[in-house]
Amino acid sequence: QNFVKLACAAPWLHHSGGTVCEPTDV
């Protein structure tokens, strides 16, 4: 969730991506 938030806030990224990291606790 943190990396999704960072990508959302970053003005120079246009896309949120996909598996930005594996949530291994799920």
PDB file of all heavy atoms in Angstrom:
ATOM      1  N   GLN A   1       0.825  -1.205   0.000  1.00  0.00           N
ATOM      2  CA  GLN A   1       0.000   0.000   0.000  1.00  0.00           C
ATOM      3  C   GLN A   1       0.861   1.256   0.000  1.00  0.00           C
ATOM      4  O   GLN A   1       0.525   2.249  -0.667  1.00  0.00           O
ATOM      5  CB  GLN A   1      -0.930  -0.029   1.206  1.00  0.00           C
ATOM      6  CG  GLN A   1      -1.979  -1.139   1.138  1.00  0.00           C
ATOM      7  CD  GLN A   1      -2.738  -1.308   2.439  1.00  0.00           C
ATOM      8  OE1 GLN A   1      -2.361  -0.767   3.484  1.00  0.00           O
ATOM      9  NE2 GLN A   1      -3.818  -2.090   2.403  1.00  0.00           N
ATOM     10  N   ASN A   2       1.970   1.219   0.723  1.00  0.00           N
ATOM     11  CA  ASN A   2       2.869   2.381   0.733  1.00  0.00           C
ATOM     12  C   ASN A   2       3.384   2.704  -0.662  1.00  0.00           C
ATOM     13  O   ASN A   2       3.432   3.880  -1.076  1.00  0.00           O
ATOM     14  CB  ASN A   2       4.053   2.125   1.671  1.00  0.00           C
ATOM     15  CG  ASN A   2       3.711   2.288   3.129  1.00  0.00           C
ATOM     16  OD1 ASN A   2       2.670   2.858   3.482  1.00  0.00           O
ATOM     17  ND2 ASN A   2       4.560   1.781   4.000  1.00  0.00           N
ATOM     18  N   PHE A   3       3.817   1.673  -1.398  1.00  0.00           N
ATOM     19  CA  PHE A   3       4.357   1.930  -2.735  1.00  0.00           C
ATOM     20  C   PHE A   3       3.262   2.385  -3.702  1.00  0.00           C
ATOM     21  O   PHE A   3       3.527   3.206  -4.592  1.00  0.00           O
ATOM     22  CB  PHE A   3       5.091   0.697  -3.263  1.00  0.00           C
ATOM     23  CG  PHE A   3       6.468   0.537  -2.690  1.00  0.00           C
ATOM     24  CD1 PHE A   3       6.779  -0.523  -1.857  1.00  0.00           C
ATOM     25  CD2 PHE A   3       7.469   1.458  -2.978  1.00  0.00           C
ATOM     26  CE1 PHE A   3       8.052  -0.668  -1.320  1.00  0.00           C
ATOM     27  CE2 PHE A   3       8.748   1.335  -2.443  1.00  0.00           C
ATOM     28  CZ  PHE A   3       9.039   0.271  -1.614  1.00  0.00           C
ATOM     29  N   VAL A   4       2.042   1.901  -3.537  1.00  0.00           N
ATOM     30  CA  VAL A   4       0.947   2.409  -4.356  1.00  0.00           C
ATOM     31  C   VAL A   4       0.716   3.891  -4.050  1.00  0.00           C
ATOM     32  O   VAL A   4       0.520   4.713  -4.964  1.00  0.00           O
ATOM     33  CB  VAL A   4      -0.336   1.590  -4.115  1.00  0.00           C
ATOM     34  CG1 VAL A   4      -1.543   2.253  -4.786  1.00  0.00           C
ATOM     35  CG2 VAL A   4      -0.169   0.176  -4.642  1.00  0.00           C
ATOM     36  N   LYS A   5       0.762   4.250  -2.776  1.00  0.00           N
ATOM     37  CA  LYS A   5       0.591   5.650  -2.393  1.00  0.00           C
ATOM     38  C   LYS A   5       1.721   6.517  -2.943  1.00  0.00           C
ATOM     39  O   LYS A   5       1.484   7.626  -3.441  1.00  0.00           O
ATOM     40  CB  LYS A   5       0.523   5.763  -0.870  1.00  0.00           C
ATOM     41  CG  LYS A   5      -0.714   5.127  -0.254  1.00  0.00           C
ATOM     42  CD  LYS A   5      -0.637   5.120   1.269  1.00  0.00           C
ATOM     43  CE  LYS A   5      -1.840   4.423   1.880  1.00  0.00           C
ATOM     44  NZ  LYS A   5      -1.749   4.392   3.377  1.00  0.00           N
ATOM     45  N   LEU A   6       2.952   6.027  -2.852  1.00  0.00           N
ATOM     46  CA  LEU A   6       4.085   6.784  -3.378  1.00  0.00           C
ATOM     47  C   LEU A   6       3.958   6.980  -4.884  1.00  0.00           C
ATOM     48  O   LEU A   6       4.235   8.071  -5.409  1.00  0.00           O
ATOM     49  CB  LEU A   6       5.392   6.073  -3.041  1.00  0.00           C
ATOM     50  CG  LEU A   6       5.826   6.094  -1.575  1.00  0.00           C
ATOM     51  CD1 LEU A   6       7.011   5.164  -1.353  1.00  0.00           C
ATOM     52  CD2 LEU A   6       6.175   7.512  -1.122  1.00  0.00           C
ATOM     53  N   ALA A   7       3.547   5.941  -5.597  1.00  0.00           N
ATOM     54  CA  ALA A   7       3.385   6.061  -7.043  1.00  0.00           C
ATOM     55  C   ALA A   7       2.262   7.025  -7.390  1.00  0.00           C
ATOM     56  O   ALA A   7       2.342   7.767  -8.375  1.00  0.00           O
ATOM     57  CB  ALA A   7       3.118   4.689  -7.667  1.00  0.00           C
ATOM     58  N   CYS A   8       1.204   7.018  -6.597  1.00  0.00           N
ATOM     59  CA  CYS A   8       0.105   7.948  -6.824  1.00  0.00           C
ATOM     60  C   CYS A   8       0.563   9.386  -6.626  1.00  0.00           C
ATOM     61  O   CYS A   8       0.192  10.282  -7.388  1.00  0.00           O
ATOM     62  CB  CYS A   8      -1.056   7.619  -5.881  1.00  0.00           C
ATOM     63  SG  CYS A   8      -2.507   8.669  -6.090  1.00  0.00           S
ATOM     64  N   ALA A   9       1.391   9.604  -5.610  1.00  0.00           N
ATOM     65  CA  ALA A   9       1.845  10.960  -5.287  1.00  0.00           C
ATOM     66  C   ALA A   9       2.969  11.439  -6.190  1.00  0.00           C
ATOM     67  O   ALA A   9       3.208  12.651  -6.274  1.00  0.00           O
ATOM     68  CB  ALA A   9       2.306  11.006  -3.828  1.00  0.00           C
ATOM     69  N   ALA A  10       3.673  10.527  -6.847  1.00  0.00           N
ATOM     70  CA  ALA A  10       4.831  10.901  -7.664  1.00  0.00           C
ATOM     71  C   ALA A  10       4.368  11.532  -8.978  1.00  0.00           C
ATOM     72  O   ALA A  10       3.697  10.866  -9.776  1.00  0.00           O
ATOM     73  CB  ALA A  10       5.697   9.676  -7.942  1.00  0.00           C
ATOM     74  N   PRO A  11       4.719  12.770  -9.244  1.00  0.00           N
ATOM     75  CA  PRO A  11       4.231  13.418 -10.469  1.00  0.00           C
ATOM     76  C   PRO A  11       4.824  12.848 -11.741  1.00  0.00           C
ATOM     77  O   PRO A  11       4.265  13.038 -12.817  1.00  0.00           O
ATOM     78  CB  PRO A  11       4.632  14.883 -10.276  1.00  0.00           C
ATOM     79  CG  PRO A  11       5.815  14.833  -9.355  1.00  0.00           C
ATOM     80  CD  PRO A  11       5.556  13.681  -8.434  1.00  0.00           C
ATOM     81  N   TRP A  12       5.943  12.142 -11.649  1.00  0.00           N
ATOM     82  CA  TRP A  12       6.648  11.673 -12.849  1.00  0.00           C
ATOM     83  C   TRP A  12       6.379  10.207 -13.161  1.00  0.00           C
ATOM     84  O   TRP A  12       6.956   9.667 -14.098  1.00  0.00           O
ATOM     85  CB  TRP A  12       8.152  11.919 -12.693  1.00  0.00           C
ATOM     86  CG  TRP A  12       8.455  13.330 -12.302  1.00  0.00           C
ATOM     87  CD1 TRP A  12       9.090  13.736 -11.163  1.00  0.00           C
ATOM     88  CD2 TRP A  12       8.126  14.518 -13.022  1.00  0.00           C
ATOM     89  NE1 TRP A  12       9.177  15.109 -11.129  1.00  0.00           N
ATOM     90  CE2 TRP A  12       8.590  15.612 -12.269  1.00  0.00           C
ATOM     91  CE3 TRP A  12       7.474  14.768 -14.236  1.00  0.00           C
ATOM     92  CZ2 TRP A  12       8.428  16.922 -12.687  1.00  0.00           C
ATOM     93  CZ3 TRP A  12       7.308  16.084 -14.649  1.00  0.00           C
ATOM     94  CH2 TRP A  12       7.787  17.139 -13.878  1.00  0.00           C
ATOM     95  N   LEU A  13       5.530   9.550 -12.373  1.00  0.00           N
ATOM     96  CA  LEU A  13       5.047   8.206 -12.707  1.00  0.00           C
ATOM     97  C   LEU A  13       3.611   8.338 -13.207  1.00  0.00           C
ATOM     98  O   LEU A  13       2.790   9.015 -12.582  1.00  0.00           O
ATOM     99  CB  LEU A  13       5.097   7.271 -11.500  1.00  0.00           C
ATOM    100  CG  LEU A  13       6.490   6.909 -10.966  1.00  0.00           C
ATOM    101  CD1 LEU A  13       6.368   5.979  -9.763  1.00  0.00           C
ATOM    102  CD2 LEU A  13       7.357   6.271 -12.041  1.00  0.00           C
ATOM    103  N   HIS A  14       3.310   7.671 -14.298  1.00  0.00           N
ATOM    104  CA  HIS A  14       2.006   7.822 -14.932  1.00  0.00           C
ATOM    105  C   HIS A  14       1.080   6.650 -14.641  1.00  0.00           C
ATOM    106  O   HIS A  14      -0.109   6.725 -14.947  1.00  0.00           O
ATOM    107  CB  HIS A  14       2.187   7.932 -16.451  1.00  0.00           C
ATOM    108  CG  HIS A  14       3.302   8.842 -16.835  1.00  0.00           C
ATOM    109  ND1 HIS A  14       4.512   8.385 -17.317  1.00  0.00           N
ATOM    110  CD2 HIS A  14       3.405  10.196 -16.770  1.00  0.00           C
ATOM    111  CE1 HIS A  14       5.309   9.409 -17.545  1.00  0.00           C
ATOM    112  NE2 HIS A  14       4.672  10.515 -17.225  1.00  0.00           N
ATOM    113  N   HIS A  15       1.615   5.600 -14.075  1.00  0.00           N
ATOM    114  CA  HIS A  15       0.905   4.329 -13.940  1.00  0.00           C
ATOM    115  C   HIS A  15       1.203   3.762 -12.561  1.00  0.00           C
ATOM    116  O   HIS A  15       2.308   3.904 -12.046  1.00  0.00           O
ATOM    117  CB  HIS A  15       1.395   3.378 -15.033  1.00  0.00           C
ATOM    118  CG  HIS A  15       0.528   2.220 -15.334  1.00  0.00           C
ATOM    119  ND1 HIS A  15       0.496   1.105 -14.534  1.00  0.00           N
ATOM    120  CD2 HIS A  15      -0.336   1.972 -16.355  1.00  0.00           C
ATOM    121  CE1 HIS A  15      -0.350   0.224 -15.058  1.00  0.00           C
ATOM    122  NE2 HIS A  15      -0.871   0.728 -16.159  1.00  0.00           N
ATOM    123  N   SER A  16       0.214   3.112 -11.955  1.00  0.00           N
ATOM    124  CA  SER A  16       0.377   2.581 -10.605  1.00  0.00           C
ATOM    125  C   SER A  16       1.136   1.267 -10.568  1.00  0.00           C
ATOM    126  O   SER A  16       1.597   0.834  -9.513  1.00  0.00           O
ATOM    127  CB  SER A  16      -1.013   2.394  -9.970  1.00  0.00           C
ATOM    128  OG  SER A  16      -0.935   2.145  -8.593  1.00  0.00           O
ATOM    129  N   GLY A  17       1.302   0.599 -11.739  1.00  0.00           N
ATOM    130  CA  GLY A  17       2.016  -0.667 -11.789  1.00  0.00           C
ATOM    131  C   GLY A  17       1.127  -1.829 -11.372  1.00  0.00           C
ATOM    132  O   GLY A  17      -0.100  -1.766 -11.450  1.00  0.00           O
ATOM    133  N   GLY A  18       1.748  -2.890 -10.917  1.00  0.00           N
ATOM    134  CA  GLY A  18       1.025  -4.093 -10.539  1.00  0.00           C
ATOM    135  C   GLY A  18       1.486  -4.612  -9.194  1.00  0.00           C
ATOM    136  O   GLY A  18       1.207  -4.026  -8.151  1.00  0.00           O
ATOM    137  N   THR A  19       2.238  -5.720  -9.197  1.00  0.00           N
ATOM    138  CA  THR A  19       2.756  -6.296  -7.956  1.00  0.00           C
ATOM    139  C   THR A  19       3.994  -5.498  -7.547  1.00  0.00           C
ATOM    140  O   THR A  19       5.129  -5.931  -7.766  1.00  0.00           O
ATOM    141  CB  THR A  19       3.087  -7.786  -8.145  1.00  0.00           C
ATOM    142  OG1 THR A  19       1.943  -8.450  -8.657  1.00  0.00           O
ATOM    143  CG2 THR A  19       3.484  -8.433  -6.831  1.00  0.00           C
ATOM    144  N   VAL A  20       3.778  -4.341  -6.953  1.00  0.00           N
ATOM    145  CA  VAL A  20       4.897  -3.462  -6.610  1.00  0.00           C
ATOM    146  C   VAL A  20       5.805  -4.100  -5.562  1.00  0.00           C
ATOM    147  O   VAL A  20       6.976  -3.742  -5.452  1.00  0.00           O
ATOM    148  CB  VAL A  20       4.409  -2.078  -6.150  1.00  0.00           C
ATOM    149  CG1 VAL A  20       3.857  -1.288  -7.331  1.00  0.00           C
ATOM    150  CG2 VAL A  20       3.341  -2.190  -5.058  1.00  0.00           C
ATOM    151  N   CYS A  21       5.280  -5.006  -4.789  1.00  0.00           N
ATOM    152  CA  CYS A  21       6.060  -5.944  -3.973  1.00  0.00           C
ATOM    153  C   CYS A  21       5.093  -7.045  -3.580  1.00  0.00           C
ATOM    154  O   CYS A  21       3.872  -6.876  -3.661  1.00  0.00           O
ATOM    155  CB  CYS A  21       6.687  -5.280  -2.737  1.00  0.00           C
ATOM    156  SG  CYS A  21       5.501  -4.800  -1.446  1.00  0.00           S
ATOM    157  N   GLU A  22       5.611  -8.178  -3.167  1.00  0.00           N
ATOM    158  CA  GLU A  22       4.747  -9.265  -2.728  1.00  0.00           C
ATOM    159  C   GLU A  22       4.316  -9.037  -1.278  1.00  0.00           C
ATOM    160  O   GLU A  22       5.168  -8.928  -0.385  1.00  0.00           O
ATOM    161  CB  GLU A  22       5.462 -10.616  -2.838  1.00  0.00           C
ATOM    162  CG  GLU A  22       5.559 -11.157  -4.244  1.00  0.00           C
ATOM    163  CD  GLU A  22       4.231 -11.675  -4.777  1.00  0.00           C
ATOM    164  OE1 GLU A  22       3.290 -11.861  -3.973  1.00  0.00           O
ATOM    165  OE2 GLU A  22       4.142 -11.900  -6.000  1.00  0.00           O
ATOM    166  N   PRO A  23       3.011  -8.959  -1.015  1.00  0.00           N
ATOM    167  CA  PRO A  23       2.547  -8.870   0.381  1.00  0.00           C
ATOM    168  C   PRO A  23       2.540 -10.259   1.013  1.00  0.00           C
ATOM    169  O   PRO A  23       1.526 -10.959   1.036  1.00  0.00           O
ATOM    170  CB  PRO A  23       1.139  -8.293   0.237  1.00  0.00           C
ATOM    171  CG  PRO A  23       0.676  -8.743  -1.109  1.00  0.00           C
ATOM    172  CD  PRO A  23       1.911  -8.856  -1.977  1.00  0.00           C
ATOM    173  N   THR A  24       3.683 -10.671   1.530  1.00  0.00           N
ATOM    174  CA  THR A  24       3.860 -12.061   1.959  1.00  0.00           C
ATOM    175  C   THR A  24       3.112 -12.395   3.243  1.00  0.00           C
ATOM    176  O   THR A  24       3.088 -13.560   3.654  1.00  0.00           O
ATOM    177  CB  THR A  24       5.349 -12.377   2.155  1.00  0.00           C
ATOM    178  OG1 THR A  24       5.887 -11.519   3.174  1.00  0.00           O
ATOM    179  CG2 THR A  24       6.125 -12.156   0.854  1.00  0.00           C
ATOM    180  N   ASP A  25       2.484 -11.388   3.874  1.00  0.00           N
ATOM    181  CA  ASP A  25       1.686 -11.667   5.072  1.00  0.00           C
ATOM    182  C   ASP A  25       0.238 -12.012   4.723  1.00  0.00           C
ATOM    183  O   ASP A  25      -0.579 -12.224   5.623  1.00  0.00           O
ATOM    184  CB  ASP A  25       1.739 -10.478   6.030  1.00  0.00           C
ATOM    185  CG  ASP A  25       1.335  -9.161   5.387  1.00  0.00           C
ATOM    186  OD1 ASP A  25       1.397  -9.049   4.143  1.00  0.00           O
ATOM    187  OD2 ASP A  25       0.989  -8.219   6.133  1.00  0.00           O
ATOM    188  N   VAL A  26      -0.075 -12.078   3.433  1.00  0.00           N
ATOM    189  CA  VAL A  26      -1.415 -12.442   2.974  1.00  0.00           C
ATOM    190  C   VAL A  26      -1.304 -13.767   2.227  1.00  0.00           C
ATOM    191  O   VAL A  26      -0.361 -13.968   1.448  1.00  0.00           O
ATOM    192  CB  VAL A  26      -2.003 -11.354   2.053  1.00  0.00           C
ATOM    193  CG1 VAL A  26      -3.419 -11.732   1.602  1.00  0.00           C
ATOM    194  CG2 VAL A  26      -2.012 -10.001   2.760  1.00  0.00           C
TER     195      VAL A  26
END
